[in-house]
Amino acid sequence: MAVRINDIAPDFTANSTAGEINFHDWIGDNYAIIFSHPRDFTPVCTTEFGAVAQMVPEFNKRKTKVIGVSVDSVDDHKKWKKDIAAFAGAPADFPIIDDTSLTVSKAYDMLPAEFYLPEANRTPANSATVRTVYIVGPDKKVRLTMTYPMSVGRNFAEILRALDAVQATDGAPIATPANWVPGQDVIVSMSLDNAAAEAKFGPLDIKLPYLRYAKAPK
């Protein structure tokens, strides 16, 4: 069954490069990003995890933990981390889950449709996870999902931008417009009339009766 926005993120206990992790306990009162990749020692995955390694300080600023998932073992992950660090020029300072059992991959629907129950001869072309991303809130609810095919490397700058948008709008009567980046105006929810919106957010830039911009809350 697919994991949907506003579902409680499936909890699990798994071995990782940081030791045994209980996912919900590990999140604590932070945001979290869990992302899968097909296999260790593969080219696109190395560029992706290199990008994450370089961005760990940015995730830390946003009180967000990141964790990777692969169908490979902890021993392989630890060896591969050396390649990631060499390529990225930054340590891969985040846990990678050992999902050789496919427990996490199945719980989060991370496997390609045509190869959902692999038992042997696992290769990136069939039994490996696709490139899936989940942003999870401190309440353990899924805030955002993204899924890419194995042939398309993810844009982690966009994932960071999406995280900023999720955090800016979480629990607030606002939304972000297309291509929004932090510092730009936001859209005020229709749950507020003009007077209430101005009282809460200040002057409005009314483009259409249903499209009203305001300065983003600090």
N, C-alpha and C. Protein backbone atom coordinates (compact mmCIF):
# COMPACT_ATOMS: atom_id res chain seq x y z
N MET A 1 0.84 -1.20 0.00
CA MET A 1 0.00 0.00 0.00
C MET A 1 0.87 1.24 0.00
N ALA A 2 0.53 2.20 -0.81
CA ALA A 2 1.33 3.42 -0.92
C ALA A 2 1.28 4.23 0.36
N VAL A 3 2.38 4.93 0.65
CA VAL A 3 2.43 5.85 1.78
C VAL A 3 2.03 7.22 1.27
N ARG A 4 0.98 7.79 1.84
CA ARG A 4 0.41 9.02 1.33
C ARG A 4 0.75 10.20 2.23
N ILE A 5 0.62 11.39 1.67
CA ILE A 5 0.79 12.60 2.48
C ILE A 5 -0.24 12.60 3.61
N ASN A 6 0.23 12.94 4.80
CA ASN A 6 -0.51 12.96 6.06
C ASN A 6 -0.66 11.59 6.70
N ASP A 7 -0.19 10.52 6.06
CA ASP A 7 -0.07 9.23 6.75
C ASP A 7 1.02 9.34 7.82
N ILE A 8 0.88 8.56 8.89
CA ILE A 8 2.00 8.39 9.80
C ILE A 8 3.07 7.59 9.07
N ALA A 9 4.27 8.11 9.04
CA ALA A 9 5.37 7.41 8.36
C ALA A 9 5.58 6.05 9.03
N PRO A 10 5.65 4.97 8.26
CA PRO A 10 5.86 3.65 8.86
C PRO A 10 7.09 3.64 9.78
N ASP A 11 6.89 3.15 10.98
CA ASP A 11 8.00 3.03 11.92
C ASP A 11 8.74 1.72 11.65
N PHE A 12 9.99 1.67 12.00
CA PHE A 12 10.77 0.44 11.82
C PHE A 12 12.00 0.51 12.71
N THR A 13 12.56 -0.63 12.97
CA THR A 13 13.86 -0.74 13.63
C THR A 13 14.78 -1.47 12.67
N ALA A 14 15.93 -0.87 12.40
CA ALA A 14 16.84 -1.44 11.40
C ALA A 14 18.28 -1.15 11.77
N ASN A 15 19.17 -1.99 11.29
CA ASN A 15 20.59 -1.74 11.44
C ASN A 15 21.01 -0.69 10.41
N SER A 16 21.99 0.10 10.76
CA SER A 16 22.48 1.16 9.87
C SER A 16 23.94 1.42 10.15
N THR A 17 24.51 2.32 9.35
CA THR A 17 25.91 2.68 9.57
C THR A 17 26.10 3.44 10.88
N ALA A 18 25.01 3.87 11.51
CA ALA A 18 25.07 4.53 12.82
C ALA A 18 24.57 3.61 13.93
N GLY A 19 24.50 2.30 13.66
CA GLY A 19 23.99 1.36 14.63
C GLY A 19 22.50 1.12 14.44
N GLU A 20 21.90 0.44 15.41
CA GLU A 20 20.47 0.15 15.31
C GLU A 20 19.66 1.42 15.49
N ILE A 21 18.68 1.62 14.61
CA ILE A 21 17.86 2.83 14.63
C ILE A 21 16.39 2.44 14.71
N ASN A 22 15.68 3.03 15.66
CA ASN A 22 14.22 3.02 15.63
C ASN A 22 13.81 4.33 15.01
N PHE A 23 13.14 4.28 13.86
CA PHE A 23 12.95 5.47 13.04
C PHE A 23 12.24 6.60 13.78
N HIS A 24 11.13 6.34 14.40
CA HIS A 24 10.39 7.42 15.08
C HIS A 24 11.20 7.99 16.24
N ASP A 25 11.86 7.13 17.00
CA ASP A 25 12.70 7.64 18.09
C ASP A 25 13.86 8.46 17.54
N TRP A 26 14.43 8.01 16.44
CA TRP A 26 15.56 8.72 15.82
C TRP A 26 15.15 10.10 15.35
N ILE A 27 13.93 10.24 14.82
CA ILE A 27 13.45 11.56 14.37
C ILE A 27 13.34 12.51 15.55
N GLY A 28 12.80 12.03 16.66
CA GLY A 28 12.61 12.90 17.82
C GLY A 28 11.67 14.04 17.49
N ASP A 29 12.09 15.27 17.83
CA ASP A 29 11.25 16.45 17.52
C ASP A 29 11.78 17.21 16.30
N ASN A 30 12.49 16.50 15.43
CA ASN A 30 13.04 17.08 14.21
C ASN A 30 12.14 16.77 13.01
N TYR A 31 12.44 17.39 11.88
CA TYR A 31 11.97 16.92 10.60
C TYR A 31 12.96 15.84 10.14
N ALA A 32 12.53 15.03 9.22
CA ALA A 32 13.43 13.99 8.69
C ALA A 32 13.19 13.81 7.21
N ILE A 33 14.24 13.46 6.50
CA ILE A 33 14.15 13.07 5.09
C ILE A 33 14.71 11.68 4.96
N ILE A 34 13.88 10.76 4.48
CA ILE A 34 14.33 9.40 4.21
C ILE A 34 14.32 9.21 2.70
N PHE A 35 15.45 8.73 2.16
CA PHE A 35 15.54 8.61 0.70
C PHE A 35 16.24 7.31 0.34
N SER A 36 15.71 6.66 -0.69
CA SER A 36 16.25 5.38 -1.12
C SER A 36 17.10 5.56 -2.37
N HIS A 37 17.98 4.58 -2.59
CA HIS A 37 18.76 4.58 -3.82
C HIS A 37 18.97 3.13 -4.24
N PRO A 38 19.17 2.88 -5.53
CA PRO A 38 19.20 1.49 -6.02
C PRO A 38 20.25 0.59 -5.40
N ARG A 39 21.52 0.95 -5.47
CA ARG A 39 22.56 0.07 -4.93
C ARG A 39 23.79 0.89 -4.57
N ASP A 40 24.61 0.34 -3.68
CA ASP A 40 25.91 0.93 -3.39
C ASP A 40 26.83 0.75 -4.60
N PHE A 41 27.86 1.60 -4.65
CA PHE A 41 28.90 1.51 -5.70
C PHE A 41 28.31 1.62 -7.10
N THR A 42 27.28 2.44 -7.25
CA THR A 42 26.72 2.72 -8.57
C THR A 42 26.87 4.21 -8.85
N PRO A 43 26.98 4.60 -10.11
CA PRO A 43 27.41 5.97 -10.43
C PRO A 43 26.43 7.07 -10.04
N VAL A 44 25.17 6.94 -10.43
CA VAL A 44 24.21 8.01 -10.12
C VAL A 44 24.04 8.15 -8.62
N CYS A 45 23.96 7.02 -7.93
CA CYS A 45 23.78 7.04 -6.48
C CYS A 45 24.95 7.73 -5.78
N THR A 46 26.14 7.52 -6.28
CA THR A 46 27.31 8.16 -5.68
C THR A 46 27.23 9.68 -5.83
N THR A 47 26.77 10.16 -6.99
CA THR A 47 26.62 11.61 -7.15
C THR A 47 25.52 12.14 -6.23
N GLU A 48 24.45 11.36 -6.06
CA GLU A 48 23.35 11.82 -5.19
C GLU A 48 23.78 11.87 -3.73
N PHE A 49 24.38 10.80 -3.25
CA PHE A 49 24.78 10.81 -1.85
C PHE A 49 25.91 11.81 -1.62
N GLY A 50 26.71 12.07 -2.66
CA GLY A 50 27.70 13.14 -2.55
C GLY A 50 27.04 14.48 -2.37
N ALA A 51 25.94 14.71 -3.10
CA ALA A 51 25.20 15.96 -2.94
C ALA A 51 24.65 16.10 -1.53
N VAL A 52 24.11 15.00 -0.99
CA VAL A 52 23.59 15.04 0.38
C VAL A 52 24.71 15.32 1.37
N ALA A 53 25.86 14.66 1.17
CA ALA A 53 27.00 14.89 2.08
C ALA A 53 27.38 16.36 2.12
N GLN A 54 27.38 17.02 0.97
CA GLN A 54 27.73 18.44 0.92
C GLN A 54 26.67 19.32 1.59
N MET A 55 25.42 18.83 1.63
CA MET A 55 24.31 19.65 2.12
C MET A 55 23.93 19.37 3.57
N VAL A 56 24.61 18.44 4.23
CA VAL A 56 24.26 18.12 5.62
C VAL A 56 24.21 19.37 6.51
N PRO A 57 25.16 20.32 6.38
CA PRO A 57 25.05 21.53 7.21
C PRO A 57 23.77 22.31 6.97
N GLU A 58 23.27 22.33 5.72
CA GLU A 58 22.02 23.04 5.43
C GLU A 58 20.83 22.33 6.07
N PHE A 59 20.83 21.01 6.03
CA PHE A 59 19.75 20.27 6.69
C PHE A 59 19.81 20.49 8.20
N ASN A 60 21.01 20.53 8.75
CA ASN A 60 21.14 20.76 10.20
C ASN A 60 20.57 22.12 10.60
N LYS A 61 20.80 23.14 9.76
CA LYS A 61 20.25 24.47 10.05
C LYS A 61 18.72 24.43 10.13
N ARG A 62 18.12 23.52 9.40
CA ARG A 62 16.66 23.42 9.34
C ARG A 62 16.12 22.38 10.31
N LYS A 63 16.96 21.94 11.24
CA LYS A 63 16.58 20.94 12.24
C LYS A 63 15.97 19.72 11.57
N THR A 64 16.70 19.24 10.56
CA THR A 64 16.22 18.12 9.74
C THR A 64 17.30 17.05 9.67
N LYS A 65 16.93 15.81 9.99
CA LYS A 65 17.82 14.68 9.88
C LYS A 65 17.62 14.01 8.53
N VAL A 66 18.69 13.48 7.96
CA VAL A 66 18.59 12.75 6.70
C VAL A 66 19.10 11.33 6.91
N ILE A 67 18.45 10.39 6.22
CA ILE A 67 18.82 8.99 6.34
C ILE A 67 18.59 8.30 5.00
N GLY A 68 19.55 7.50 4.57
CA GLY A 68 19.45 6.79 3.31
C GLY A 68 19.00 5.35 3.51
N VAL A 69 18.45 4.76 2.45
CA VAL A 69 18.01 3.37 2.46
C VAL A 69 18.59 2.68 1.24
N SER A 70 19.14 1.49 1.44
CA SER A 70 19.63 0.68 0.32
C SER A 70 19.42 -0.79 0.65
N VAL A 71 19.31 -1.62 -0.37
CA VAL A 71 19.16 -3.05 -0.17
C VAL A 71 20.50 -3.72 0.11
N ASP A 72 21.56 -2.96 0.27
CA ASP A 72 22.88 -3.51 0.57
C ASP A 72 23.13 -3.53 2.08
N SER A 73 24.25 -4.12 2.46
CA SER A 73 24.57 -4.34 3.87
C SER A 73 25.30 -3.14 4.48
N VAL A 74 25.34 -3.11 5.80
CA VAL A 74 26.08 -2.05 6.50
C VAL A 74 27.55 -2.08 6.11
N ASP A 75 28.13 -3.27 6.00
CA ASP A 75 29.54 -3.36 5.62
C ASP A 75 29.78 -2.70 4.26
N ASP A 76 28.89 -2.97 3.30
CA ASP A 76 29.02 -2.33 1.99
C ASP A 76 28.83 -0.82 2.10
N HIS A 77 27.85 -0.41 2.89
CA HIS A 77 27.61 1.03 3.06
C HIS A 77 28.86 1.74 3.58
N LYS A 78 29.49 1.16 4.58
CA LYS A 78 30.66 1.79 5.19
C LYS A 78 31.81 1.90 4.19
N LYS A 79 31.99 0.88 3.37
CA LYS A 79 33.03 0.95 2.34
C LYS A 79 32.67 2.01 1.29
N TRP A 80 31.40 2.05 0.92
CA TRP A 80 30.95 2.99 -0.11
C TRP A 80 31.05 4.43 0.38
N LYS A 81 30.86 4.65 1.68
CA LYS A 81 30.96 6.01 2.22
C LYS A 81 32.32 6.63 1.91
N LYS A 82 33.34 5.83 1.84
CA LYS A 82 34.67 6.34 1.51
C LYS A 82 34.69 6.89 0.09
N ASP A 83 34.03 6.20 -0.84
CA ASP A 83 33.94 6.69 -2.21
C ASP A 83 33.13 7.99 -2.27
N ILE A 84 32.04 8.02 -1.52
CA ILE A 84 31.19 9.22 -1.50
C ILE A 84 31.99 10.42 -1.02
N ALA A 85 32.71 10.24 0.08
CA ALA A 85 33.51 11.34 0.63
C ALA A 85 34.59 11.79 -0.33
N ALA A 86 35.23 10.84 -1.00
CA ALA A 86 36.28 11.18 -1.96
C ALA A 86 35.70 11.95 -3.14
N PHE A 87 34.53 11.55 -3.61
CA PHE A 87 33.91 12.22 -4.74
C PHE A 87 33.39 13.60 -4.35
N ALA A 88 32.74 13.70 -3.19
CA ALA A 88 32.05 14.93 -2.81
C ALA A 88 32.95 15.94 -2.10
N GLY A 89 34.08 15.47 -1.58
CA GLY A 89 34.91 16.37 -0.79
C GLY A 89 34.29 16.71 0.55
N ALA A 90 33.37 15.84 1.01
CA ALA A 90 32.69 16.04 2.29
C ALA A 90 32.33 14.67 2.84
N PRO A 91 32.39 14.48 4.15
CA PRO A 91 32.04 13.17 4.71
C PRO A 91 30.56 12.88 4.56
N ALA A 92 30.24 11.62 4.32
CA ALA A 92 28.83 11.21 4.25
C ALA A 92 28.32 11.04 5.68
N ASP A 93 28.06 12.16 6.33
CA ASP A 93 27.78 12.19 7.77
C ASP A 93 26.28 12.03 8.03
N PHE A 94 25.76 10.90 7.60
CA PHE A 94 24.36 10.57 7.85
C PHE A 94 24.23 9.05 7.78
N PRO A 95 23.26 8.47 8.47
CA PRO A 95 23.14 7.02 8.46
C PRO A 95 22.60 6.49 7.14
N ILE A 96 23.01 5.28 6.80
CA ILE A 96 22.44 4.54 5.67
C ILE A 96 21.94 3.21 6.21
N ILE A 97 20.68 2.91 5.95
CA ILE A 97 20.03 1.72 6.50
C ILE A 97 20.41 0.47 5.71
N ASP A 98 20.66 -0.60 6.43
CA ASP A 98 20.82 -1.92 5.83
C ASP A 98 19.43 -2.50 5.63
N ASP A 99 18.98 -2.55 4.37
CA ASP A 99 17.65 -3.07 4.08
C ASP A 99 17.74 -4.31 3.20
N THR A 100 18.70 -5.19 3.53
CA THR A 100 18.82 -6.43 2.78
C THR A 100 17.55 -7.28 2.90
N SER A 101 16.80 -7.08 3.97
CA SER A 101 15.54 -7.83 4.15
C SER A 101 14.39 -7.23 3.35
N LEU A 102 14.58 -6.03 2.80
CA LEU A 102 13.56 -5.29 2.05
C LEU A 102 12.40 -4.82 2.93
N THR A 103 12.55 -4.86 4.25
CA THR A 103 11.47 -4.46 5.15
C THR A 103 11.08 -3.00 4.96
N VAL A 104 12.08 -2.13 4.94
CA VAL A 104 11.80 -0.70 4.80
C VAL A 104 11.33 -0.38 3.38
N SER A 105 11.98 -1.00 2.40
CA SER A 105 11.61 -0.75 1.01
C SER A 105 10.15 -1.10 0.74
N LYS A 106 9.70 -2.20 1.31
CA LYS A 106 8.30 -2.60 1.12
C LYS A 106 7.36 -1.69 1.91
N ALA A 107 7.73 -1.35 3.13
CA ALA A 107 6.86 -0.49 3.96
C ALA A 107 6.65 0.86 3.30
N TYR A 108 7.68 1.37 2.61
CA TYR A 108 7.59 2.69 1.98
C TYR A 108 7.34 2.62 0.48
N ASP A 109 7.04 1.44 -0.03
CA ASP A 109 6.68 1.28 -1.44
C ASP A 109 7.79 1.81 -2.36
N MET A 110 9.01 1.39 -2.08
CA MET A 110 10.17 1.91 -2.79
C MET A 110 10.64 1.01 -3.93
N LEU A 111 9.96 -0.09 -4.18
CA LEU A 111 10.42 -1.03 -5.19
C LEU A 111 9.67 -0.86 -6.50
N PRO A 112 10.33 -1.09 -7.63
CA PRO A 112 9.63 -1.02 -8.91
C PRO A 112 8.48 -2.02 -8.95
N ALA A 113 7.43 -1.67 -9.64
CA ALA A 113 6.21 -2.49 -9.65
C ALA A 113 6.46 -3.91 -10.13
N GLU A 114 7.31 -4.08 -11.15
CA GLU A 114 7.46 -5.39 -11.76
C GLU A 114 8.42 -6.30 -11.00
N PHE A 115 9.09 -5.77 -9.97
CA PHE A 115 10.03 -6.58 -9.20
C PHE A 115 9.83 -6.32 -7.72
N TYR A 116 8.66 -6.65 -7.23
CA TYR A 116 8.33 -6.28 -5.86
C TYR A 116 8.78 -7.30 -4.84
N LEU A 117 8.95 -8.56 -5.21
CA LEU A 117 9.30 -9.59 -4.24
C LEU A 117 10.55 -10.36 -4.66
N PRO A 118 11.66 -9.67 -4.84
CA PRO A 118 12.87 -10.37 -5.28
C PRO A 118 13.42 -11.27 -4.19
N GLU A 119 13.91 -12.42 -4.58
CA GLU A 119 14.50 -13.35 -3.62
C GLU A 119 15.98 -13.63 -3.94
N ALA A 120 16.36 -13.47 -5.18
CA ALA A 120 17.74 -13.78 -5.56
C ALA A 120 18.13 -12.95 -6.77
N ASN A 121 19.42 -12.94 -7.05
CA ASN A 121 19.94 -12.24 -8.22
C ASN A 121 19.52 -10.78 -8.26
N ARG A 122 19.63 -10.11 -7.12
CA ARG A 122 19.23 -8.71 -7.07
C ARG A 122 20.22 -7.85 -7.85
N THR A 123 19.69 -7.03 -8.72
CA THR A 123 20.51 -6.10 -9.48
C THR A 123 19.83 -4.74 -9.47
N PRO A 124 20.57 -3.64 -9.74
CA PRO A 124 19.93 -2.33 -9.81
C PRO A 124 18.82 -2.26 -10.84
N ALA A 125 18.87 -3.14 -11.85
CA ALA A 125 17.88 -3.08 -12.92
C ALA A 125 16.54 -3.70 -12.54
N ASN A 126 16.51 -4.47 -11.43
CA ASN A 126 15.22 -5.08 -11.09
C ASN A 126 14.85 -4.93 -9.63
N SER A 127 15.59 -5.57 -8.74
CA SER A 127 15.13 -5.64 -7.36
C SER A 127 15.50 -4.46 -6.49
N ALA A 128 16.27 -3.53 -7.01
CA ALA A 128 16.70 -2.41 -6.19
C ALA A 128 15.60 -1.36 -6.04
N THR A 129 15.75 -0.54 -5.03
CA THR A 129 14.78 0.52 -4.81
C THR A 129 14.88 1.59 -5.88
N VAL A 130 13.77 2.21 -6.21
CA VAL A 130 13.79 3.39 -7.05
C VAL A 130 14.19 4.58 -6.19
N ARG A 131 14.30 5.77 -6.81
CA ARG A 131 14.78 6.95 -6.08
C ARG A 131 13.58 7.67 -5.45
N THR A 132 13.30 7.30 -4.21
CA THR A 132 12.13 7.81 -3.50
C THR A 132 12.57 8.72 -2.36
N VAL A 133 11.80 9.80 -2.14
CA VAL A 133 12.08 10.76 -1.06
C VAL A 133 10.81 10.98 -0.26
N TYR A 134 10.95 10.94 1.05
CA TYR A 134 9.85 11.32 1.94
C TYR A 134 10.36 12.38 2.92
N ILE A 135 9.61 13.47 3.04
CA ILE A 135 9.85 14.43 4.12
C ILE A 135 8.82 14.14 5.20
N VAL A 136 9.31 13.96 6.43
CA VAL A 136 8.47 13.59 7.56
C VAL A 136 8.56 14.68 8.62
N GLY A 137 7.42 15.06 9.19
CA GLY A 137 7.39 16.11 10.20
C GLY A 137 7.70 15.58 11.60
N PRO A 138 7.88 16.48 12.55
CA PRO A 138 8.15 16.05 13.94
C PRO A 138 7.03 15.21 14.53
N ASP A 139 5.81 15.35 13.98
CA ASP A 139 4.68 14.54 14.44
C ASP A 139 4.64 13.18 13.75
N LYS A 140 5.68 12.88 12.96
CA LYS A 140 5.87 11.62 12.26
C LYS A 140 4.92 11.44 11.08
N LYS A 141 4.26 12.52 10.66
CA LYS A 141 3.40 12.45 9.48
C LYS A 141 4.18 12.81 8.22
N VAL A 142 3.85 12.14 7.13
CA VAL A 142 4.50 12.42 5.84
C VAL A 142 4.02 13.77 5.33
N ARG A 143 4.97 14.64 5.02
CA ARG A 143 4.64 15.98 4.51
C ARG A 143 4.76 16.07 2.99
N LEU A 144 5.68 15.29 2.41
CA LEU A 144 5.96 15.41 0.98
C LEU A 144 6.56 14.11 0.49
N THR A 145 6.23 13.74 -0.75
CA THR A 145 6.84 12.56 -1.37
C THR A 145 7.32 12.91 -2.78
N MET A 146 8.38 12.28 -3.19
CA MET A 146 8.89 12.39 -4.56
C MET A 146 9.41 11.02 -4.98
N THR A 147 9.19 10.64 -6.23
CA THR A 147 9.73 9.39 -6.74
C THR A 147 10.29 9.60 -8.14
N TYR A 148 11.50 9.18 -8.33
CA TYR A 148 12.19 9.29 -9.61
C TYR A 148 12.53 7.89 -10.11
N PRO A 149 12.60 7.69 -11.42
CA PRO A 149 13.10 6.40 -11.92
C PRO A 149 14.59 6.27 -11.67
N MET A 150 15.10 5.07 -11.77
CA MET A 150 16.51 4.84 -11.47
C MET A 150 17.45 5.57 -12.42
N SER A 151 16.97 5.93 -13.60
CA SER A 151 17.83 6.58 -14.59
C SER A 151 17.95 8.08 -14.40
N VAL A 152 17.20 8.66 -13.46
CA VAL A 152 17.16 10.12 -13.28
C VAL A 152 17.67 10.49 -11.89
N GLY A 153 18.81 11.16 -11.84
CA GLY A 153 19.33 11.61 -10.57
C GLY A 153 18.49 12.75 -10.01
N ARG A 154 18.34 12.76 -8.69
CA ARG A 154 17.50 13.77 -8.04
C ARG A 154 18.20 15.11 -7.93
N ASN A 155 17.40 16.17 -7.90
CA ASN A 155 17.89 17.53 -7.68
C ASN A 155 17.74 17.85 -6.20
N PHE A 156 18.83 17.74 -5.45
CA PHE A 156 18.73 17.92 -4.01
C PHE A 156 18.58 19.39 -3.63
N ALA A 157 18.91 20.29 -4.52
CA ALA A 157 18.59 21.71 -4.27
C ALA A 157 17.08 21.89 -4.25
N GLU A 158 16.37 21.17 -5.12
CA GLU A 158 14.90 21.23 -5.11
C GLU A 158 14.34 20.58 -3.85
N ILE A 159 14.94 19.50 -3.39
CA ILE A 159 14.49 18.87 -2.16
C ILE A 159 14.66 19.82 -0.98
N LEU A 160 15.78 20.55 -0.96
CA LEU A 160 15.98 21.54 0.10
C LEU A 160 14.97 22.67 -0.01
N ARG A 161 14.69 23.13 -1.23
CA ARG A 161 13.68 24.17 -1.43
C ARG A 161 12.30 23.69 -0.98
N ALA A 162 11.98 22.43 -1.32
CA ALA A 162 10.69 21.88 -0.91
C ALA A 162 10.61 21.78 0.61
N LEU A 163 11.71 21.40 1.25
CA LEU A 163 11.73 21.36 2.71
C LEU A 163 11.46 22.74 3.30
N ASP A 164 12.09 23.77 2.72
CA ASP A 164 11.84 25.14 3.18
C ASP A 164 10.36 25.51 3.05
N ALA A 165 9.74 25.11 1.94
CA ALA A 165 8.33 25.42 1.72
C ALA A 165 7.45 24.66 2.71
N VAL A 166 7.78 23.39 2.94
CA VAL A 166 7.02 22.59 3.92
C VAL A 166 7.09 23.24 5.29
N GLN A 167 8.29 23.63 5.70
CA GLN A 167 8.45 24.21 7.04
C GLN A 167 7.79 25.58 7.13
N ALA A 168 7.82 26.35 6.04
CA ALA A 168 7.21 27.68 6.06
C ALA A 168 5.70 27.62 6.19
N THR A 169 5.10 26.58 5.60
CA THR A 169 3.64 26.50 5.55
C THR A 169 3.05 25.56 6.59
N ASP A 170 3.88 24.80 7.28
CA ASP A 170 3.40 23.77 8.20
C ASP A 170 2.59 24.42 9.33
N GLY A 171 1.29 24.15 9.36
CA GLY A 171 0.43 24.66 10.42
C GLY A 171 0.04 26.11 10.28
N ALA A 172 0.40 26.74 9.16
CA ALA A 172 0.07 28.16 8.94
C ALA A 172 -0.92 28.28 7.79
N PRO A 173 -1.79 29.30 7.82
CA PRO A 173 -2.79 29.46 6.74
C PRO A 173 -2.21 30.13 5.50
N ILE A 174 -1.12 29.55 5.01
CA ILE A 174 -0.46 30.07 3.81
C ILE A 174 -0.03 28.91 2.93
N ALA A 175 0.29 29.23 1.68
CA ALA A 175 0.85 28.28 0.73
C ALA A 175 1.95 29.00 -0.05
N THR A 176 2.77 28.22 -0.74
CA THR A 176 3.82 28.84 -1.55
C THR A 176 3.45 28.73 -3.03
N PRO A 177 3.69 29.77 -3.81
CA PRO A 177 3.38 29.73 -5.25
C PRO A 177 4.42 28.92 -6.01
N ALA A 178 4.17 28.75 -7.29
CA ALA A 178 5.12 28.06 -8.15
C ALA A 178 6.50 28.72 -8.08
N ASN A 179 7.52 27.88 -8.02
CA ASN A 179 8.91 28.33 -8.06
C ASN A 179 9.32 29.17 -6.86
N TRP A 180 8.56 29.13 -5.79
CA TRP A 180 8.86 29.92 -4.59
C TRP A 180 10.21 29.52 -4.01
N VAL A 181 10.92 30.52 -3.51
CA VAL A 181 12.13 30.30 -2.72
C VAL A 181 12.03 31.17 -1.47
N PRO A 182 12.73 30.79 -0.39
CA PRO A 182 12.64 31.57 0.84
C PRO A 182 12.93 33.05 0.62
N GLY A 183 12.13 33.87 1.26
CA GLY A 183 12.25 35.32 1.12
C GLY A 183 11.19 35.91 0.21
N GLN A 184 10.62 35.09 -0.67
CA GLN A 184 9.58 35.58 -1.55
C GLN A 184 8.22 35.56 -0.85
N ASP A 185 7.27 36.29 -1.43
CA ASP A 185 5.93 36.36 -0.86
C ASP A 185 5.24 34.99 -0.92
N VAL A 186 4.28 34.83 -0.02
CA VAL A 186 3.50 33.60 0.05
C VAL A 186 2.04 33.90 -0.29
N ILE A 187 1.26 32.86 -0.51
CA ILE A 187 -0.16 32.99 -0.81
C ILE A 187 -0.97 32.77 0.46
N VAL A 188 -1.92 33.66 0.70
CA VAL A 188 -2.74 33.57 1.91
C VAL A 188 -3.92 32.64 1.65
N SER A 189 -4.21 31.79 2.63
CA SER A 189 -5.31 30.84 2.51
C SER A 189 -6.66 31.55 2.39
N MET A 190 -7.58 30.93 1.64
CA MET A 190 -8.93 31.46 1.51
C MET A 190 -9.75 31.29 2.78
N SER A 191 -9.19 30.62 3.78
CA SER A 191 -9.88 30.50 5.07
C SER A 191 -9.90 31.83 5.81
N LEU A 192 -9.07 32.78 5.39
CA LEU A 192 -9.04 34.11 5.99
C LEU A 192 -9.63 35.12 5.00
N ASP A 193 -10.53 35.98 5.48
CA ASP A 193 -10.99 37.07 4.61
C ASP A 193 -9.91 38.14 4.57
N ASN A 194 -10.11 39.15 3.75
CA ASN A 194 -9.06 40.16 3.57
C ASN A 194 -8.68 40.85 4.87
N ALA A 195 -9.68 41.17 5.68
CA ALA A 195 -9.40 41.87 6.94
C ALA A 195 -8.58 40.99 7.87
N ALA A 196 -8.97 39.74 8.00
CA ALA A 196 -8.25 38.83 8.88
C ALA A 196 -6.84 38.56 8.35
N ALA A 197 -6.73 38.44 7.02
CA ALA A 197 -5.43 38.20 6.42
C ALA A 197 -4.49 39.38 6.65
N GLU A 198 -5.00 40.60 6.49
CA GLU A 198 -4.16 41.78 6.70
C GLU A 198 -3.78 41.93 8.17
N ALA A 199 -4.70 41.58 9.06
CA ALA A 199 -4.39 41.66 10.49
C ALA A 199 -3.27 40.69 10.86
N LYS A 200 -3.24 39.56 10.18
CA LYS A 200 -2.25 38.52 10.51
C LYS A 200 -0.93 38.71 9.77
N PHE A 201 -1.02 39.11 8.49
CA PHE A 201 0.18 39.12 7.65
C PHE A 201 0.58 40.49 7.14
N GLY A 202 -0.22 41.53 7.38
CA GLY A 202 0.09 42.85 6.87
C GLY A 202 -0.55 43.09 5.51
N PRO A 203 -0.12 44.11 4.80
CA PRO A 203 -0.75 44.46 3.52
C PRO A 203 -0.74 43.30 2.53
N LEU A 204 -1.82 43.20 1.78
CA LEU A 204 -1.95 42.14 0.79
C LEU A 204 -1.68 42.67 -0.62
N ASP A 205 -1.15 41.84 -1.45
CA ASP A 205 -1.03 42.11 -2.88
C ASP A 205 -2.07 41.21 -3.56
N ILE A 206 -3.23 41.78 -3.88
CA ILE A 206 -4.36 40.99 -4.38
C ILE A 206 -4.29 40.92 -5.91
N LYS A 207 -3.92 39.76 -6.42
CA LYS A 207 -3.85 39.55 -7.86
C LYS A 207 -5.22 39.19 -8.44
N LEU A 208 -5.94 38.35 -7.72
CA LEU A 208 -7.29 37.91 -8.06
C LEU A 208 -8.02 37.74 -6.74
N PRO A 209 -9.33 37.72 -6.74
CA PRO A 209 -10.04 37.56 -5.47
C PRO A 209 -9.58 36.34 -4.67
N TYR A 210 -9.14 35.30 -5.36
CA TYR A 210 -8.72 34.08 -4.69
C TYR A 210 -7.20 33.91 -4.67
N LEU A 211 -6.46 34.89 -5.16
CA LEU A 211 -5.00 34.82 -5.21
C LEU A 211 -4.43 36.09 -4.57
N ARG A 212 -4.05 35.94 -3.28
CA ARG A 212 -3.61 37.09 -2.50
C ARG A 212 -2.23 36.78 -1.91
N TYR A 213 -1.30 37.65 -2.24
CA TYR A 213 0.07 37.49 -1.73
C TYR A 213 0.26 38.32 -0.46
N ALA A 214 1.19 37.85 0.37
CA ALA A 214 1.61 38.59 1.56
C ALA A 214 3.08 38.29 1.81
N LYS A 215 3.70 39.14 2.62
CA LYS A 215 5.08 38.86 3.01
C LYS A 215 5.13 37.59 3.83
N ALA A 216 6.15 36.79 3.60
CA ALA A 216 6.28 35.54 4.35
C ALA A 216 6.52 35.84 5.82
N PRO A 217 5.86 35.12 6.71
CA PRO A 217 6.10 35.32 8.15
C PRO A 217 7.56 35.04 8.49
N LYS A 218 8.07 35.75 9.45
CA LYS A 218 9.45 35.53 9.88
C LYS A 218 9.55 34.25 10.71
